[in-house]
């Protein structure tokens, strides 16, 4: 089985029946544990919020992260031309997941372009709303699913981008969407089928024992973790 539950790190946990699903037969238990939250977030962002279709030019900021890699895989499976924003060390990883074009954020600013994108999915929150909108066509879609990193100096911290976007979305010609990645039995079944068919393939960057959960969280908080980190029980 795989799924979601409201709990801390533990050997055993009780989960609602509508938040678990049978594990795809072609992936390991470790890989299955990397699916639910990240793949569900990517599914909602790509399929529901962005409405990605064949031929769309889609940019994903944070493409090498847990949600980002699944978003690349999904957008590619829908026939989109995917541009991935990542660091240089992750270029081959995102290419193998379906990205056609790469923007190395250490060298180039993806918001400065003479060819705006049909869809921009931002999973990082490290650019201003104005800059993100500049990179999207006038009738395109901007999906915000990352609050950003808190560096102090603001009462609302990393949520400032989300708050601004929720106001601007009411008046902008572009679609600005702030998806709610709520778990559901239907989405888990879809994720199971996509993983079974090979569309979704979890990538695990680090495997740590349960008693090193604090180290795993510290690694994630660096903001440079790639793919998924899994705790082994």
Foldseek 3Di string as FASTA:
>chain_A
DEFDDPDDQDPDDDHDPFGDDDAQPVDDPQQRNLPYQLLLVLCCVQCPQQVQAAAFEEEEEQLFAANNLSNQLVNQVRNYAYEYEAAPVCVVVSVVSHHDHYDHVVVDDLLDDPAAGQEYEYAALPDAPVSNVSRHPQAHEYEYAHLHQFPDDDPVGSNPRVVVLVVVCVPGNYHYYYDDSDGGSVVVVVSNVCVNVPSDGADEDEEAESVCVVVVVVVVNVVRDGGHYGYDD
